[in-house]
Amino acid sequence: MTRADGAGTMRLTVTGIEAGDPAQLAATGYEDAEGRVPYYVRFTVEHVDGRSPNSVTALEYLSVWAGGTPLDHLSIFEPFASCQEVLFPVDAAPGAIIESCATYTAEQGAPPPDTVMFDNDDTYESADAGQITWQ
């Protein structure tokens, strides 16, 4: 993804999506944990060129969908062993790669995630080149 302000390019690769235990949500203090299932989207981000992407989180551009419905992203601001978000260090040079994870939630009984979008306008377009279909 190339940022319009010329800051640089980063490459995101989804490496896995897994369902978590709803009890893990409750343990974070998430008020709406009851009746929700966490899904952990694991990915790598590579700093391809330009300025370090430390000021940009891939989550600004990542959205997850199930059966055409967007899942809710859950930001967890404390250590969370099940799915820890990792950011680039300030001095990341081109070629640096981080492994990270994002937590999304869906209602219990809803279809599991099947599409991940890496897009800067957060809209679902089936013809969008940023779409990754997960099976």
Foldseek 3Di string as FASTA:
>chain_A
DQDPVRQADKDKDWDDKDKDDLVLCVVLVNPPSPQKIKIKTKMKMFGADHAFCQVPFLVLQKWWDFPRHTFAWDDRDDDRVVFAADGDDRPDHGGDMDIGMTITMDGPPGGDTFKMFRGNPPDDDPPDPRIDGHD
